[in-house]
Amino acid sequence: MAVQCRTQSGLRDDGEISDISAEGCCLRMRGIYFRVGTRLIVRPSGMESMSGVVRWVSSDLAGVEFDRPLYGPVLEHIAATHAAHIRA
């Protein structure tokens, strides 16, 4: 799923979300490489922003823990929308 990210220092980049759960997600960014502890705002395509912190980094992947868990129906909507795009 497409995502836009912004760090507290103002850096912005586009990327993809995978492995999303109520507590966090995995990000693959195009140009920004995050450090553990980086605070950021994550905005999946067509959704409101979510804040979080980078908990791990491996190459161009970063694991983000959300500040507040996603509401169950929101997570279900993301999963259903993403699954529909994969089948298309």
C-alpha atoms as a PDB file:
ATOM      1  CA  MET A   1       0.000   0.000   0.000  1.00  0.00           C
ATOM      2  CA  ALA A   2       1.334   3.432  -0.930  1.00  0.00           C
ATOM      3  CA  VAL A   3       2.319   5.744   1.921  1.00  0.00           C
ATOM      4  CA  GLN A   4       3.767   9.199   2.511  1.00  0.00           C
ATOM      5  CA  CYS A   5       6.040   9.790   5.503  1.00  0.00           C
ATOM      6  CA  ARG A   6       7.283  12.951   7.177  1.00  0.00           C
ATOM      7  CA  THR A   7       9.894  13.128   9.911  1.00  0.00           C
ATOM      8  CA  GLN A   8       9.880  15.664  12.743  1.00  0.00           C
ATOM      9  CA  SER A   9      12.731  17.475  10.973  1.00  0.00           C
ATOM     10  CA  GLY A  10      10.522  17.939   7.884  1.00  0.00           C
ATOM     11  CA  LEU A  11      11.964  15.307   5.529  1.00  0.00           C
ATOM     12  CA  ARG A  12       9.285  13.770   3.298  1.00  0.00           C
ATOM     13  CA  ASP A  13       9.251  10.649   1.162  1.00  0.00           C
ATOM     14  CA  ASP A  14       6.912   8.207  -0.539  1.00  0.00           C
ATOM     15  CA  GLY A  15       7.050   4.488  -0.015  1.00  0.00           C
ATOM     16  CA  GLU A  16       5.065   1.361   0.754  1.00  0.00           C
ATOM     17  CA  ILE A  17       3.535  -0.198   3.855  1.00  0.00           C
ATOM     18  CA  SER A  18       3.552  -3.929   4.452  1.00  0.00           C
ATOM     19  CA  ASP A  19       2.841  -6.166   7.437  1.00  0.00           C
ATOM     20  CA  ILE A  20       0.436  -3.680   9.007  1.00  0.00           C
ATOM     21  CA  SER A  21      -1.134  -4.475  12.367  1.00  0.00           C
ATOM     22  CA  ALA A  22      -2.980  -2.491  15.011  1.00  0.00           C
ATOM     23  CA  GLU A  23       0.337  -1.692  16.712  1.00  0.00           C
ATOM     24  CA  GLY A  24       2.556  -0.844  13.744  1.00  0.00           C
ATOM     25  CA  CYS A  25       3.809  -1.586  10.255  1.00  0.00           C
ATOM     26  CA  CYS A  26       6.816  -2.165   8.062  1.00  0.00           C
ATOM     27  CA  LEU A  27       7.836   0.676   5.724  1.00  0.00           C
ATOM     28  CA  ARG A  28       9.928   0.569   2.567  1.00  0.00           C
ATOM     29  CA  MET A  29      10.927   4.066   1.540  1.00  0.00           C
ATOM     30  CA  ARG A  30      12.338   5.321  -1.758  1.00  0.00           C
ATOM     31  CA  GLY A  31      14.903   7.841  -0.562  1.00  0.00           C
ATOM     32  CA  ILE A  32      14.900   8.316   3.212  1.00  0.00           C
ATOM     33  CA  TYR A  33      16.710   5.863   5.453  1.00  0.00           C
ATOM     34  CA  PHE A  34      15.428   6.056   9.012  1.00  0.00           C
ATOM     35  CA  ARG A  35      17.273   5.548  12.279  1.00  0.00           C
ATOM     36  CA  VAL A  36      15.883   3.714  15.271  1.00  0.00           C
ATOM     37  CA  GLY A  37      14.082   6.259  17.431  1.00  0.00           C
ATOM     38  CA  THR A  38      13.060   8.545  14.547  1.00  0.00           C
ATOM     39  CA  ARG A  39       9.594  10.012  15.127  1.00  0.00           C
ATOM     40  CA  LEU A  40       7.438  10.262  12.032  1.00  0.00           C
ATOM     41  CA  ILE A  41       4.012  10.773  10.591  1.00  0.00           C
ATOM     42  CA  VAL A  42       2.754   8.004   8.301  1.00  0.00           C
ATOM     43  CA  ARG A  43      -0.122   8.695   5.891  1.00  0.00           C
ATOM     44  CA  PRO A  44      -1.346   5.714   3.882  1.00  0.00           C
ATOM     45  CA  SER A  45      -2.963   6.612   0.566  1.00  0.00           C
ATOM     46  CA  GLY A  46      -6.532   7.804   1.145  1.00  0.00           C
ATOM     47  CA  MET A  47      -6.306   7.759   4.951  1.00  0.00           C
ATOM     48  CA  GLU A  48      -5.591  10.058   7.864  1.00  0.00           C
ATOM     49  CA  SER A  49      -2.096  10.386   9.287  1.00  0.00           C
ATOM     50  CA  MET A  50      -0.735   8.227  12.095  1.00  0.00           C
ATOM     51  CA  SER A  51       2.232   9.097  14.277  1.00  0.00           C
ATOM     52  CA  GLY A  52       4.824   6.632  15.453  1.00  0.00           C
ATOM     53  CA  VAL A  53       8.449   5.820  16.126  1.00  0.00           C
ATOM     54  CA  VAL A  54      10.943   3.668  14.220  1.00  0.00           C
ATOM     55  CA  ARG A  55      11.783   0.577  16.311  1.00  0.00           C
ATOM     56  CA  TRP A  56      14.056  -1.315  13.890  1.00  0.00           C
ATOM     57  CA  VAL A  57      15.834  -0.783  10.562  1.00  0.00           C
ATOM     58  CA  SER A  58      17.143  -3.308   8.037  1.00  0.00           C
ATOM     59  CA  SER A  59      18.451  -1.971   4.705  1.00  0.00           C
ATOM     60  CA  ASP A  60      15.558   0.015   3.147  1.00  0.00           C
ATOM     61  CA  LEU A  61      12.957  -1.393   5.583  1.00  0.00           C
ATOM     62  CA  ALA A  62      11.872   0.149   8.877  1.00  0.00           C
ATOM     63  CA  GLY A  63       9.515  -1.129  11.555  1.00  0.00           C
ATOM     64  CA  VAL A  64       7.236   1.551  12.985  1.00  0.00           C
ATOM     65  CA  GLU A  65       5.313   1.338  16.250  1.00  0.00           C
ATOM     66  CA  PHE A  66       2.213   3.548  16.181  1.00  0.00           C
ATOM     67  CA  ASP A  67       1.651   5.940  19.089  1.00  0.00           C
ATOM     68  CA  ARG A  68      -1.942   4.688  19.323  1.00  0.00           C
ATOM     69  CA  PRO A  69      -3.154   1.297  18.093  1.00  0.00           C
ATOM     70  CA  LEU A  70      -5.308   1.387  14.973  1.00  0.00           C
ATOM     71  CA  TYR A  71      -9.025   1.024  15.527  1.00  0.00           C
ATOM     72  CA  GLY A  72     -10.135  -2.499  14.500  1.00  0.00           C
ATOM     73  CA  PRO A  73     -12.525  -1.451  11.688  1.00  0.00           C
ATOM     74  CA  VAL A  74      -9.836   0.832  10.219  1.00  0.00           C
ATOM     75  CA  LEU A  75      -7.359  -2.052  10.139  1.00  0.00           C
ATOM     76  CA  GLU A  76      -9.989  -4.308   8.547  1.00  0.00           C
ATOM     77  CA  HIS A  77     -10.661  -1.645   5.881  1.00  0.00           C
ATOM     78  CA  ILE A  78      -6.943  -1.388   5.091  1.00  0.00           C
ATOM     79  CA  ALA A  79      -6.614  -5.162   4.832  1.00  0.00           C
ATOM     80  CA  ALA A  80      -9.704  -5.476   2.599  1.00  0.00           C
ATOM     81  CA  THR A  81      -8.653  -2.602   0.329  1.00  0.00           C
ATOM     82  CA  HIS A  82      -5.111  -3.901   0.017  1.00  0.00           C
ATOM     83  CA  ALA A  83      -6.298  -7.463  -0.707  1.00  0.00           C
ATOM     84  CA  ALA A  84      -8.607  -6.120  -3.443  1.00  0.00           C
ATOM     85  CA  HIS A  85      -5.633  -4.389  -5.121  1.00  0.00           C
ATOM     86  CA  ILE A  86      -3.537  -7.562  -4.977  1.00  0.00           C
ATOM     87  CA  ARG A  87      -6.293  -9.639  -6.636  1.00  0.00           C
ATOM     88  CA  ALA A  88      -6.889  -7.035  -9.375  1.00  0.00           C
END
